[in-house]
Amino acid sequence: MPEGGDSSETLTTAPEPPPAAPAADAPAADAPKAPQAQPASQTLHWRGTALLSQRQLRKLRMHLEEFAQTLTSRLSSFLRVEVIVKIGEIQITLFQRLTASWTDTCHLGLFKTEPLRGISVLHVPMPLAMSLVDRMMGGPGKAPENTDAEMSEIEKALLEQLTQIVLEEWCANWASVKELKPAPLGSETSGSFLQTASPQTNMLTLGLRVVIGELEQPVTLAVPYPAIEPLIRQLTGENELTAAAAPTPAPVPSAVKWNPTLDEVRIPVVAEWHGMELSARQILHLQLGDVLPIDADRAAKVVLRMADLPKFHGRLGVVADKWAVELGQPIKH
């Protein structure tokens, strides 16, 4: 991806094949016209993934240039031969598309960067992997002609040492933002059956061009984007910008002061509840000594009014042989 460019995925479509030739006995007038020339392929913007802004890409590329420089020095010193690491494309790709492109035999180093979540992948093509192993074993660093042969346990162990170096430099590059610790999880030789993330997971992929002698090969470092996104935002200072743009909270109002001149003002307090209904005839026939049954549930649903305004829910009771109301939740208006 060019610096600051769009990270959209593309769909490549091939031209339609020309129609079949007409039958020998078909009239010449019915012969189809020759198809017009079409380009060999056409690139269409299929799905925009504007997850990285131009500012983020620019800052991220500058940050990763330091990673390439330190990795160049570290590998050259370790292998005792000149190794050049260059930053290539920075993209965001679906995990399913990424693994589908790793069908050839390769080295896939799996690791975690604690405390970040998710599993990252380091993809090394087999010609480069065998060349590095040959150099570690004292050879000139030339890959064998047959790179499809299965690697021995010794060769795998040597390659894991190089993978560890890459991981250490990757974590050290983010130390100014967040302290990360590499945790190797093993390796695979093909992406066909790799299931370290869901197919629709966005992966931040960093393309590297590794040059050793006359051999130049691409290496891909893929990290789950949801895990590294907070680090990118912190790297580009977006957290500080967001905090600076946040509105200033309104001042907390001071507590209301009580006016002591109201101490002796009397306010009528009335307790009431609902739920009993009588007909007009029953009311006319009420006499002294009649008993009206009160629903016990209604006695627990008293409304306390102050100056004719409902203020509290309450519960009816008795205190010192007198009716009383226990205050409950205030009534919001």
C-alpha atoms as a PDB file:
ATOM      1  CA  MET A   1       0.000   0.000   0.000  1.00  0.00           C
ATOM      2  CA  PRO A   2       1.400   3.485  -0.786  1.00  0.00           C
ATOM      3  CA  GLU A   3       2.002   5.729   2.133  1.00  0.00           C
ATOM      4  CA  GLY A   4      -1.239   7.274   3.312  1.00  0.00           C
ATOM      5  CA  GLY A   5      -3.197   5.359   0.688  1.00  0.00           C
ATOM      6  CA  ASP A   6      -6.501   3.599   0.863  1.00  0.00           C
ATOM      7  CA  SER A   7      -6.507   0.141   2.446  1.00  0.00           C
ATOM      8  CA  SER A   8      -9.414  -1.082   0.336  1.00  0.00           C
ATOM      9  CA  GLU A   9      -9.500  -4.673  -0.779  1.00  0.00           C
ATOM     10  CA  THR A  10      -9.667  -5.330  -4.499  1.00  0.00           C
ATOM     11  CA  LEU A  11     -11.417  -7.826  -6.698  1.00  0.00           C
ATOM     12  CA  THR A  12      -9.698  -8.872  -9.907  1.00  0.00           C
ATOM     13  CA  THR A  13     -11.934 -10.030 -12.729  1.00  0.00           C
ATOM     14  CA  ALA A  14     -10.754 -11.789 -15.865  1.00  0.00           C
ATOM     15  CA  PRO A  15     -12.331 -11.077 -19.306  1.00  0.00           C
ATOM     16  CA  GLU A  16     -15.086 -13.362 -20.515  1.00  0.00           C
ATOM     17  CA  PRO A  17     -13.987 -16.046 -22.972  1.00  0.00           C
ATOM     18  CA  PRO A  18     -14.980 -15.472 -26.632  1.00  0.00           C
ATOM     19  CA  PRO A  19     -18.177 -17.229 -27.775  1.00  0.00           C
ATOM     20  CA  ALA A  20     -17.902 -20.641 -29.403  1.00  0.00           C
ATOM     21  CA  ALA A  21     -17.440 -20.836 -33.178  1.00  0.00           C
ATOM     22  CA  PRO A  22     -20.671 -21.323 -35.203  1.00  0.00           C
ATOM     23  CA  ALA A  23     -21.526 -24.687 -36.709  1.00  0.00           C
ATOM     24  CA  ALA A  24     -20.290 -25.441 -40.222  1.00  0.00           C
ATOM     25  CA  ASP A  25     -23.816 -25.468 -41.714  1.00  0.00           C
ATOM     26  CA  ALA A  26     -24.884 -22.214 -40.062  1.00  0.00           C
ATOM     27  CA  PRO A  27     -25.462 -19.205 -42.336  1.00  0.00           C
ATOM     28  CA  ALA A  28     -22.600 -16.784 -42.560  1.00  0.00           C
ATOM     29  CA  ALA A  29     -24.907 -13.905 -41.633  1.00  0.00           C
ATOM     30  CA  ASP A  30     -25.539 -15.514 -38.219  1.00  0.00           C
ATOM     31  CA  ALA A  31     -21.845 -15.692 -37.337  1.00  0.00           C
ATOM     32  CA  PRO A  32     -21.167 -13.703 -34.169  1.00  0.00           C
ATOM     33  CA  LYS A  33     -19.006 -10.642 -34.375  1.00  0.00           C
ATOM     34  CA  ALA A  34     -15.449 -10.882 -33.079  1.00  0.00           C
ATOM     35  CA  PRO A  35     -15.292  -9.760 -29.454  1.00  0.00           C
ATOM     36  CA  GLN A  36     -13.620  -6.465 -28.737  1.00  0.00           C
ATOM     37  CA  ALA A  37     -10.229  -6.546 -27.084  1.00  0.00           C
ATOM     38  CA  GLN A  38     -10.405  -6.369 -23.297  1.00  0.00           C
ATOM     39  CA  PRO A  39      -7.706  -5.845 -20.707  1.00  0.00           C
ATOM     40  CA  ALA A  40      -6.225  -8.955 -19.152  1.00  0.00           C
ATOM     41  CA  SER A  41      -7.557  -7.956 -15.741  1.00  0.00           C
ATOM     42  CA  GLN A  42      -9.577  -5.193 -14.175  1.00  0.00           C
ATOM     43  CA  THR A  43      -9.157  -3.944 -10.629  1.00  0.00           C
ATOM     44  CA  LEU A  44     -12.356  -2.988  -8.850  1.00  0.00           C
ATOM     45  CA  HIS A  45     -12.722  -1.355  -5.449  1.00  0.00           C
ATOM     46  CA  TRP A  46     -14.725  -4.087  -3.809  1.00  0.00           C
ATOM     47  CA  ARG A  47     -14.740  -3.225  -0.131  1.00  0.00           C
ATOM     48  CA  GLY A  48     -13.434  -0.058   1.505  1.00  0.00           C
ATOM     49  CA  THR A  49     -11.612  -0.696   4.756  1.00  0.00           C
ATOM     50  CA  ALA A  50     -10.831   2.831   5.891  1.00  0.00           C
ATOM     51  CA  LEU A  51      -9.691   1.688   9.316  1.00  0.00           C
ATOM     52  CA  LEU A  52      -6.413   3.587   9.096  1.00  0.00           C
ATOM     53  CA  SER A  53      -6.412   7.295   8.349  1.00  0.00           C
ATOM     54  CA  GLN A  54      -3.669   8.945   6.308  1.00  0.00           C
ATOM     55  CA  ARG A  55      -2.257  10.438   9.485  1.00  0.00           C
ATOM     56  CA  GLN A  56      -2.181   7.027  11.167  1.00  0.00           C
ATOM     57  CA  LEU A  57      -0.476   5.409   8.164  1.00  0.00           C
ATOM     58  CA  ARG A  58       2.146   8.137   8.019  1.00  0.00           C
ATOM     59  CA  LYS A  59       2.933   7.906  11.731  1.00  0.00           C
ATOM     60  CA  LEU A  60       2.867   4.110  11.699  1.00  0.00           C
ATOM     61  CA  ARG A  61       5.239   3.890   8.744  1.00  0.00           C
ATOM     62  CA  MET A  62       7.714   6.239  10.431  1.00  0.00           C
ATOM     63  CA  HIS A  63       7.501   4.149  13.587  1.00  0.00           C
ATOM     64  CA  LEU A  64       8.063   0.882  11.725  1.00  0.00           C
ATOM     65  CA  GLU A  65      11.042   2.268   9.799  1.00  0.00           C
ATOM     66  CA  GLU A  66      12.899   2.157  13.113  1.00  0.00           C
ATOM     67  CA  PHE A  67      11.841  -1.487  13.485  1.00  0.00           C
ATOM     68  CA  ALA A  68      13.329  -2.305  10.056  1.00  0.00           C
ATOM     69  CA  GLN A  69      16.593  -0.561  10.899  1.00  0.00           C
ATOM     70  CA  THR A  70      17.096  -2.329  14.229  1.00  0.00           C
ATOM     71  CA  LEU A  71      16.101  -5.665  12.701  1.00  0.00           C
ATOM     72  CA  THR A  72      18.624  -5.128   9.909  1.00  0.00           C
ATOM     73  CA  SER A  73      21.417  -4.601  12.430  1.00  0.00           C
ATOM     74  CA  ARG A  74      20.343  -7.503  14.617  1.00  0.00           C
ATOM     75  CA  LEU A  75      20.098 -10.061  11.803  1.00  0.00           C
ATOM     76  CA  SER A  76      23.336  -8.917  10.164  1.00  0.00           C
ATOM     77  CA  SER A  77      25.189  -9.318  13.459  1.00  0.00           C
ATOM     78  CA  PHE A  78      23.593 -12.682  14.212  1.00  0.00           C
ATOM     79  CA  LEU A  79      24.182 -14.204  10.756  1.00  0.00           C
ATOM     80  CA  ARG A  80      27.570 -12.481  10.192  1.00  0.00           C
ATOM     81  CA  VAL A  81      26.458 -11.404   6.736  1.00  0.00           C
ATOM     82  CA  GLU A  82      24.823  -8.279   5.359  1.00  0.00           C
ATOM     83  CA  VAL A  83      21.051  -8.463   5.698  1.00  0.00           C
ATOM     84  CA  ILE A  84      18.785  -5.628   4.556  1.00  0.00           C
ATOM     85  CA  VAL A  85      15.190  -5.291   5.777  1.00  0.00           C
ATOM     86  CA  LYS A  86      12.921  -2.792   4.027  1.00  0.00           C
ATOM     87  CA  ILE A  87       9.383  -1.715   4.934  1.00  0.00           C
ATOM     88  CA  GLY A  88       6.850  -2.638   2.264  1.00  0.00           C
ATOM     89  CA  GLU A  89       3.079  -2.377   2.249  1.00  0.00           C
ATOM     90  CA  ILE A  90       0.974  -1.795   5.335  1.00  0.00           C
ATOM     91  CA  GLN A  91      -2.517  -3.166   4.848  1.00  0.00           C
ATOM     92  CA  ILE A  92      -5.580  -4.389   6.678  1.00  0.00           C
ATOM     93  CA  THR A  93      -6.748  -7.742   5.322  1.00  0.00           C
ATOM     94  CA  LEU A  94      -9.332 -10.260   6.397  1.00  0.00           C
ATOM     95  CA  PHE A  95      -7.829 -13.345   8.039  1.00  0.00           C
ATOM     96  CA  GLN A  96      -9.582 -15.589   5.526  1.00  0.00           C
ATOM     97  CA  ARG A  97      -8.027 -13.789   2.541  1.00  0.00           C
ATOM     98  CA  LEU A  98      -4.632 -13.746   4.205  1.00  0.00           C
ATOM     99  CA  THR A  99      -4.447 -17.473   4.876  1.00  0.00           C
ATOM    100  CA  ALA A 100      -5.818 -18.252   1.415  1.00  0.00           C
ATOM    101  CA  SER A 101      -2.707 -16.625  -0.056  1.00  0.00           C
ATOM    102  CA  TRP A 102      -0.389 -18.906   1.967  1.00  0.00           C
ATOM    103  CA  THR A 103      -1.029 -22.150   0.121  1.00  0.00           C
ATOM    104  CA  ASP A 104       2.608 -22.843  -0.789  1.00  0.00           C
ATOM    105  CA  THR A 105       4.921 -24.523   1.690  1.00  0.00           C
ATOM    106  CA  CYS A 106       6.278 -21.859   4.024  1.00  0.00           C
ATOM    107  CA  HIS A 107       7.193 -21.160   7.619  1.00  0.00           C
ATOM    108  CA  LEU A 108       4.414 -19.641   9.736  1.00  0.00           C
ATOM    109  CA  GLY A 109       5.608 -18.626  13.175  1.00  0.00           C
ATOM    110  CA  LEU A 110       2.717 -18.260  15.634  1.00  0.00           C
ATOM    111  CA  PHE A 111       3.098 -16.022  18.661  1.00  0.00           C
ATOM    112  CA  LYS A 112       1.326 -13.762  21.124  1.00  0.00           C
ATOM    113  CA  THR A 113       2.374 -10.344  22.344  1.00  0.00           C
ATOM    114  CA  GLU A 114       1.293 -10.301  25.951  1.00  0.00           C
ATOM    115  CA  PRO A 115      -0.775  -8.665  27.326  1.00  0.00           C
ATOM    116  CA  LEU A 116      -2.471  -8.067  23.943  1.00  0.00           C
ATOM    117  CA  ARG A 117      -5.153 -10.509  22.902  1.00  0.00           C
ATOM    118  CA  GLY A 118      -5.095 -12.604  19.752  1.00  0.00           C
ATOM    119  CA  ILE A 119      -2.453 -14.624  17.922  1.00  0.00           C
ATOM    120  CA  SER A 120      -0.056 -13.018  15.433  1.00  0.00           C
ATOM    121  CA  VAL A 121       1.619 -14.746  12.494  1.00  0.00           C
ATOM    122  CA  LEU A 122       5.058 -14.328  10.907  1.00  0.00           C
ATOM    123  CA  HIS A 123       5.084 -15.624   7.321  1.00  0.00           C
ATOM    124  CA  VAL A 124       8.482 -16.553   5.841  1.00  0.00           C
ATOM    125  CA  PRO A 125       8.651 -18.071   2.313  1.00  0.00           C
ATOM    126  CA  MET A 126      10.442 -21.389   2.232  1.00  0.00           C
ATOM    127  CA  PRO A 127      13.331 -20.263  -0.053  1.00  0.00           C
ATOM    128  CA  LEU A 128      14.233 -17.526   2.430  1.00  0.00           C
ATOM    129  CA  ALA A 129      13.729 -19.834   5.405  1.00  0.00           C
ATOM    130  CA  MET A 130      16.081 -22.473   3.972  1.00  0.00           C
ATOM    131  CA  SER A 131      18.621 -19.788   3.005  1.00  0.00           C
ATOM    132  CA  LEU A 132      18.691 -18.451   6.567  1.00  0.00           C
ATOM    133  CA  VAL A 133      19.024 -21.944   7.997  1.00  0.00           C
ATOM    134  CA  ASP A 134      21.877 -22.710   5.600  1.00  0.00           C
ATOM    135  CA  ARG A 135      23.693 -19.590   6.759  1.00  0.00           C
ATOM    136  CA  MET A 136      23.229 -20.514  10.442  1.00  0.00           C
ATOM    137  CA  MET A 137      24.711 -23.946   9.737  1.00  0.00           C
ATOM    138  CA  GLY A 138      27.875 -22.382   8.287  1.00  0.00           C
ATOM    139  CA  GLY A 139      26.883 -22.321   4.635  1.00  0.00           C
ATOM    140  CA  PRO A 140      26.877 -19.368   2.237  1.00  0.00           C
ATOM    141  CA  GLY A 141      23.156 -18.786   2.750  1.00  0.00           C
ATOM    142  CA  LYS A 142      21.956 -20.365  -0.475  1.00  0.00           C
ATOM    143  CA  ALA A 143      18.576 -22.071  -0.534  1.00  0.00           C
ATOM    144  CA  PRO A 144      18.417 -25.628  -1.955  1.00  0.00           C
ATOM    145  CA  GLU A 145      16.719 -26.151  -5.302  1.00  0.00           C
ATOM    146  CA  ASN A 146      13.992 -28.311  -3.745  1.00  0.00           C
ATOM    147  CA  THR A 147      12.322 -26.145  -1.115  1.00  0.00           C
ATOM    148  CA  ASP A 148       9.275 -28.421  -0.823  1.00  0.00           C
ATOM    149  CA  ALA A 149      11.165 -30.997   1.221  1.00  0.00           C
ATOM    150  CA  GLU A 150      10.114 -31.279   4.848  1.00  0.00           C
ATOM    151  CA  MET A 151      12.416 -29.500   7.279  1.00  0.00           C
ATOM    152  CA  SER A 152      14.251 -31.502   9.900  1.00  0.00           C
ATOM    153  CA  GLU A 153      13.821 -30.839  13.605  1.00  0.00           C
ATOM    154  CA  ILE A 154      17.252 -29.178  13.735  1.00  0.00           C
ATOM    155  CA  GLU A 155      16.349 -26.832  10.885  1.00  0.00           C
ATOM    156  CA  LYS A 156      13.056 -25.957  12.573  1.00  0.00           C
ATOM    157  CA  ALA A 157      14.839 -25.191  15.842  1.00  0.00           C
ATOM    158  CA  LEU A 158      17.322 -22.916  14.058  1.00  0.00           C
ATOM    159  CA  LEU A 159      14.517 -21.095  12.270  1.00  0.00           C
ATOM    160  CA  GLU A 160      12.680 -20.579  15.548  1.00  0.00           C
ATOM    161  CA  GLN A 161      15.776 -18.737  16.857  1.00  0.00           C
ATOM    162  CA  LEU A 162      15.495 -16.274  13.980  1.00  0.00           C
ATOM    163  CA  THR A 163      11.766 -15.951  14.585  1.00  0.00           C
ATOM    164  CA  GLN A 164      12.490 -15.112  18.215  1.00  0.00           C
ATOM    165  CA  ILE A 165      14.824 -12.317  17.128  1.00  0.00           C
ATOM    166  CA  VAL A 166      12.121 -10.781  14.939  1.00  0.00           C
ATOM    167  CA  LEU A 167       9.591 -10.986  17.775  1.00  0.00           C
ATOM    168  CA  GLU A 168      11.950  -9.409  20.284  1.00  0.00           C
ATOM    169  CA  GLU A 169      12.652  -6.460  17.975  1.00  0.00           C
ATOM    170  CA  TRP A 170       8.929  -6.108  17.215  1.00  0.00           C
ATOM    171  CA  CYS A 171       8.052  -5.859  20.909  1.00  0.00           C
ATOM    172  CA  ALA A 172      11.018  -3.549  21.607  1.00  0.00           C
ATOM    173  CA  ASN A 173       9.776  -1.215  18.879  1.00  0.00           C
ATOM    174  CA  TRP A 174       6.512  -0.698  20.812  1.00  0.00           C
ATOM    175  CA  ALA A 175       8.179  -0.282  24.210  1.00  0.00           C
ATOM    176  CA  SER A 176       7.714   3.500  24.151  1.00  0.00           C
ATOM    177  CA  VAL A 177       3.950   2.969  23.788  1.00  0.00           C
ATOM    178  CA  LYS A 178       3.340  -0.207  25.781  1.00  0.00           C
ATOM    179  CA  GLU A 179       5.566  -2.926  27.166  1.00  0.00           C
ATOM    180  CA  LEU A 180       4.987  -6.143  25.229  1.00  0.00           C
ATOM    181  CA  LYS A 181       6.365  -9.616  25.788  1.00  0.00           C
ATOM    182  CA  PRO A 182       6.653 -12.152  22.933  1.00  0.00           C
ATOM    183  CA  ALA A 183       5.290 -15.631  23.599  1.00  0.00           C
ATOM    184  CA  PRO A 184       6.042 -18.155  20.768  1.00  0.00           C
ATOM    185  CA  LEU A 185       3.283 -20.717  20.197  1.00  0.00           C
ATOM    186  CA  GLY A 186       4.823 -22.987  17.550  1.00  0.00           C
ATOM    187  CA  SER A 187       4.800 -23.025  13.768  1.00  0.00           C
ATOM    188  CA  GLU A 188       2.923 -24.288  10.717  1.00  0.00           C
ATOM    189  CA  THR A 189       3.944 -24.929   7.121  1.00  0.00           C
ATOM    190  CA  SER A 190       0.758 -23.854   5.316  1.00  0.00           C
ATOM    191  CA  GLY A 191      -2.086 -21.422   5.827  1.00  0.00           C
ATOM    192  CA  SER A 192      -4.704 -23.842   4.483  1.00  0.00           C
ATOM    193  CA  PHE A 193      -5.674 -25.141   7.923  1.00  0.00           C
ATOM    194  CA  LEU A 194      -4.645 -22.171  10.061  1.00  0.00           C
ATOM    195  CA  GLN A 195      -7.444 -21.298  12.517  1.00  0.00           C
ATOM    196  CA  THR A 196      -5.890 -18.823  14.934  1.00  0.00           C
ATOM    197  CA  ALA A 197      -8.647 -16.242  14.305  1.00  0.00           C
ATOM    198  CA  SER A 198     -12.147 -16.083  12.855  1.00  0.00           C
ATOM    199  CA  PRO A 199     -12.320 -15.695   9.049  1.00  0.00           C
ATOM    200  CA  GLN A 200     -13.690 -12.134   9.283  1.00  0.00           C
ATOM    201  CA  THR A 201     -11.034 -10.837  11.692  1.00  0.00           C
ATOM    202  CA  ASN A 202      -9.185  -7.777  10.402  1.00  0.00           C
ATOM    203  CA  MET A 203      -5.426  -8.340  10.407  1.00  0.00           C
ATOM    204  CA  LEU A 204      -2.867  -5.551  10.212  1.00  0.00           C
ATOM    205  CA  THR A 205      -0.213  -6.864   7.823  1.00  0.00           C
ATOM    206  CA  LEU A 206       3.277  -5.426   7.585  1.00  0.00           C
ATOM    207  CA  GLY A 207       5.139  -6.352   4.423  1.00  0.00           C
ATOM    208  CA  LEU A 208       8.923  -6.630   4.716  1.00  0.00           C
ATOM    209  CA  ARG A 209      11.477  -7.118   1.938  1.00  0.00           C
ATOM    210  CA  VAL A 210      14.450  -9.139   3.210  1.00  0.00           C
ATOM    211  CA  VAL A 211      17.630  -9.134   1.138  1.00  0.00           C
ATOM    212  CA  ILE A 212      20.447 -11.555   1.908  1.00  0.00           C
ATOM    213  CA  GLY A 213      23.121 -11.879  -0.766  1.00  0.00           C
ATOM    214  CA  GLU A 214      21.434 -12.238  -4.146  1.00  0.00           C
ATOM    215  CA  LEU A 215      18.170 -13.465  -2.628  1.00  0.00           C
ATOM    216  CA  GLU A 216      15.302 -11.043  -1.979  1.00  0.00           C
ATOM    217  CA  GLN A 217      12.081 -12.405  -0.483  1.00  0.00           C
ATOM    218  CA  PRO A 218       8.923 -10.939   1.097  1.00  0.00           C
ATOM    219  CA  VAL A 219       8.153 -11.537   4.759  1.00  0.00           C
ATOM    220  CA  THR A 220       4.734 -10.725   6.254  1.00  0.00           C
ATOM    221  CA  LEU A 221       3.986  -9.921   9.874  1.00  0.00           C
ATOM    222  CA  ALA A 222       0.235 -10.151  10.579  1.00  0.00           C
ATOM    223  CA  VAL A 223      -1.244  -8.864  13.841  1.00  0.00           C
ATOM    224  CA  PRO A 224      -4.952  -8.811  14.836  1.00  0.00           C
ATOM    225  CA  TYR A 225      -6.012  -5.215  14.217  1.00  0.00           C
ATOM    226  CA  PRO A 226      -8.465  -5.005  17.183  1.00  0.00           C
ATOM    227  CA  ALA A 227      -5.561  -5.833  19.519  1.00  0.00           C
ATOM    228  CA  ILE A 228      -3.078  -3.310  18.162  1.00  0.00           C
ATOM    229  CA  GLU A 229      -5.532  -0.501  17.346  1.00  0.00           C
ATOM    230  CA  PRO A 230      -5.278   1.096  20.852  1.00  0.00           C
ATOM    231  CA  LEU A 231      -1.477   1.185  20.480  1.00  0.00           C
ATOM    232  CA  ILE A 232      -1.754   2.875  17.079  1.00  0.00           C
ATOM    233  CA  ARG A 233      -4.139   5.476  18.499  1.00  0.00           C
ATOM    234  CA  GLN A 234      -1.745   6.129  21.362  1.00  0.00           C
ATOM    235  CA  LEU A 235       1.201   6.282  18.957  1.00  0.00           C
ATOM    236  CA  THR A 236      -0.504   8.911  16.804  1.00  0.00           C
ATOM    237  CA  GLY A 237      -1.626  10.902  19.843  1.00  0.00           C
ATOM    238  CA  GLU A 238      -5.326  10.546  19.060  1.00  0.00           C
ATOM    239  CA  ASN A 239      -6.189   9.790  22.671  1.00  0.00           C
ATOM    240  CA  GLU A 240      -4.709  13.144  23.702  1.00  0.00           C
ATOM    241  CA  LEU A 241      -6.485  14.935  20.848  1.00  0.00           C
ATOM    242  CA  THR A 242      -9.793  13.403  21.854  1.00  0.00           C
ATOM    243  CA  ALA A 243      -9.297  14.427  25.456  1.00  0.00           C
ATOM    244  CA  ALA A 244      -8.405  17.982  24.407  1.00  0.00           C
ATOM    245  CA  ALA A 245     -11.483  18.230  22.201  1.00  0.00           C
ATOM    246  CA  ALA A 246     -13.819  16.951  24.921  1.00  0.00           C
ATOM    247  CA  PRO A 247     -16.143  19.633  26.300  1.00  0.00           C
ATOM    248  CA  THR A 248     -15.353  21.062  29.706  1.00  0.00           C
ATOM    249  CA  PRO A 249     -17.729  19.557  32.263  1.00  0.00           C
ATOM    250  CA  ALA A 250     -20.277  21.947  33.708  1.00  0.00           C
ATOM    251  CA  PRO A 251     -19.465  23.174  37.216  1.00  0.00           C
ATOM    252  CA  VAL A 252     -21.225  21.348  40.007  1.00  0.00           C
ATOM    253  CA  PRO A 253     -23.865  23.618  41.530  1.00  0.00           C
ATOM    254  CA  SER A 254     -23.282  24.535  45.148  1.00  0.00           C
ATOM    255  CA  ALA A 255     -25.560  23.109  47.826  1.00  0.00           C
ATOM    256  CA  VAL A 256     -28.726  25.063  48.537  1.00  0.00           C
ATOM    257  CA  LYS A 257     -28.535  26.934  51.835  1.00  0.00           C
ATOM    258  CA  TRP A 258     -31.499  26.677  54.172  1.00  0.00           C
ATOM    259  CA  ASN A 259     -33.285  29.853  55.127  1.00  0.00           C
ATOM    260  CA  PRO A 260     -33.739  29.717  58.932  1.00  0.00           C
ATOM    261  CA  THR A 261     -36.771  32.029  58.742  1.00  0.00           C
ATOM    262  CA  LEU A 262     -38.728  29.046  57.354  1.00  0.00           C
ATOM    263  CA  ASP A 263     -38.131  26.906  60.436  1.00  0.00           C
ATOM    264  CA  GLU A 264     -41.558  27.642  61.953  1.00  0.00           C
ATOM    265  CA  VAL A 265     -43.639  27.542  58.752  1.00  0.00           C
ATOM    266  CA  ARG A 266     -46.292  24.843  59.039  1.00  0.00           C
ATOM    267  CA  ILE A 267     -47.002  22.629  56.033  1.00  0.00           C
ATOM    268  CA  PRO A 268     -50.039  20.307  56.008  1.00  0.00           C
ATOM    269  CA  VAL A 269     -49.114  16.626  55.667  1.00  0.00           C
ATOM    270  CA  VAL A 270     -51.733  14.138  54.454  1.00  0.00           C
ATOM    271  CA  ALA A 271     -51.427  10.350  54.050  1.00  0.00           C
ATOM    272  CA  GLU A 272     -53.773   8.635  51.605  1.00  0.00           C
ATOM    273  CA  TRP A 273     -54.189   5.390  49.776  1.00  0.00           C
ATOM    274  CA  HIS A 274     -56.524   4.074  47.106  1.00  0.00           C
ATOM    275  CA  GLY A 275     -58.277   0.843  46.409  1.00  0.00           C
ATOM    276  CA  MET A 276     -61.589   0.845  48.362  1.00  0.00           C
ATOM    277  CA  GLU A 277     -64.784   1.631  46.495  1.00  0.00           C
ATOM    278  CA  LEU A 278     -68.331   1.901  47.900  1.00  0.00           C
ATOM    279  CA  SER A 279     -71.578   2.514  46.111  1.00  0.00           C
ATOM    280  CA  ALA A 280     -73.629   5.579  46.898  1.00  0.00           C
ATOM    281  CA  ARG A 281     -76.282   3.356  48.561  1.00  0.00           C
ATOM    282  CA  GLN A 282     -73.638   1.750  50.836  1.00  0.00           C
ATOM    283  CA  ILE A 283     -72.361   5.154  51.870  1.00  0.00           C
ATOM    284  CA  LEU A 284     -75.899   6.294  52.764  1.00  0.00           C
ATOM    285  CA  HIS A 285     -76.383   3.272  55.029  1.00  0.00           C
ATOM    286  CA  LEU A 286     -73.091   3.614  56.941  1.00  0.00           C
ATOM    287  CA  GLN A 287     -73.611   3.738  60.711  1.00  0.00           C
ATOM    288  CA  LEU A 288     -71.529   4.158  63.779  1.00  0.00           C
ATOM    289  CA  GLY A 289     -69.655   0.934  64.516  1.00  0.00           C
ATOM    290  CA  ASP A 290     -69.565  -0.396  60.939  1.00  0.00           C
ATOM    291  CA  VAL A 291     -66.245  -1.998  59.936  1.00  0.00           C
ATOM    292  CA  LEU A 292     -64.707  -1.349  56.530  1.00  0.00           C
ATOM    293  CA  PRO A 293     -62.130  -3.978  55.508  1.00  0.00           C
ATOM    294  CA  ILE A 294     -58.824  -2.571  54.214  1.00  0.00           C
ATOM    295  CA  ASP A 295     -56.700  -4.534  51.800  1.00  0.00           C
ATOM    296  CA  ALA A 296     -53.340  -5.256  53.458  1.00  0.00           C
ATOM    297  CA  ASP A 297     -51.504  -4.627  50.180  1.00  0.00           C
ATOM    298  CA  ARG A 298     -53.038  -1.187  49.951  1.00  0.00           C
ATOM    299  CA  ALA A 299     -51.837  -0.328  53.434  1.00  0.00           C
ATOM    300  CA  ALA A 300     -48.281  -0.671  52.131  1.00  0.00           C
ATOM    301  CA  LYS A 301     -48.959   1.779  49.276  1.00  0.00           C
ATOM    302  CA  VAL A 302     -49.600   4.992  51.134  1.00  0.00           C
ATOM    303  CA  VAL A 303     -48.912   8.296  49.386  1.00  0.00           C
ATOM    304  CA  LEU A 304     -47.729  11.108  51.624  1.00  0.00           C
ATOM    305  CA  ARG A 305     -48.686  14.584  50.462  1.00  0.00           C
ATOM    306  CA  MET A 306     -47.047  17.774  51.654  1.00  0.00           C
ATOM    307  CA  ALA A 307     -48.929  20.996  50.853  1.00  0.00           C
ATOM    308  CA  ASP A 308     -51.100  18.909  48.517  1.00  0.00           C
ATOM    309  CA  LEU A 309     -48.066  17.692  46.529  1.00  0.00           C
ATOM    310  CA  PRO A 310     -47.224  13.950  46.546  1.00  0.00           C
ATOM    311  CA  LYS A 311     -43.703  13.624  47.950  1.00  0.00           C
ATOM    312  CA  PHE A 312     -43.163  10.091  49.335  1.00  0.00           C
ATOM    313  CA  HIS A 313     -44.411   6.541  49.109  1.00  0.00           C
ATOM    314  CA  GLY A 314     -45.053   5.107  52.553  1.00  0.00           C
ATOM    315  CA  ARG A 315     -46.328   2.184  54.621  1.00  0.00           C
ATOM    316  CA  LEU A 316     -49.148   2.398  57.168  1.00  0.00           C
ATOM    317  CA  GLY A 317     -48.392   1.303  60.723  1.00  0.00           C
ATOM    318  CA  VAL A 318     -48.831   2.055  64.423  1.00  0.00           C
ATOM    319  CA  VAL A 319     -46.403   3.762  66.818  1.00  0.00           C
ATOM    320  CA  ALA A 320     -47.315   4.272  70.515  1.00  0.00           C
ATOM    321  CA  ASP A 321     -50.961   3.405  69.847  1.00  0.00           C
ATOM    322  CA  LYS A 322     -51.145   6.035  67.122  1.00  0.00           C
ATOM    323  CA  TRP A 323     -51.429   5.703  63.395  1.00  0.00           C
ATOM    324  CA  ALA A 324     -48.132   6.344  61.632  1.00  0.00           C
ATOM    325  CA  VAL A 325     -46.662   6.266  58.130  1.00  0.00           C
ATOM    326  CA  GLU A 326     -43.149   4.968  57.448  1.00  0.00           C
ATOM    327  CA  LEU A 327     -41.514   7.022  54.645  1.00  0.00           C
ATOM    328  CA  GLY A 328     -40.238   5.106  51.651  1.00  0.00           C
ATOM    329  CA  GLN A 329     -39.019   6.124  48.195  1.00  0.00           C
ATOM    330  CA  PRO A 330     -39.459   9.785  47.200  1.00  0.00           C
ATOM    331  CA  ILE A 331     -41.831  10.508  44.345  1.00  0.00           C
ATOM    332  CA  LYS A 332     -40.056  12.104  41.385  1.00  0.00           C
ATOM    333  CA  HIS A 333     -41.860  14.795  39.417  1.00  0.00           C
END
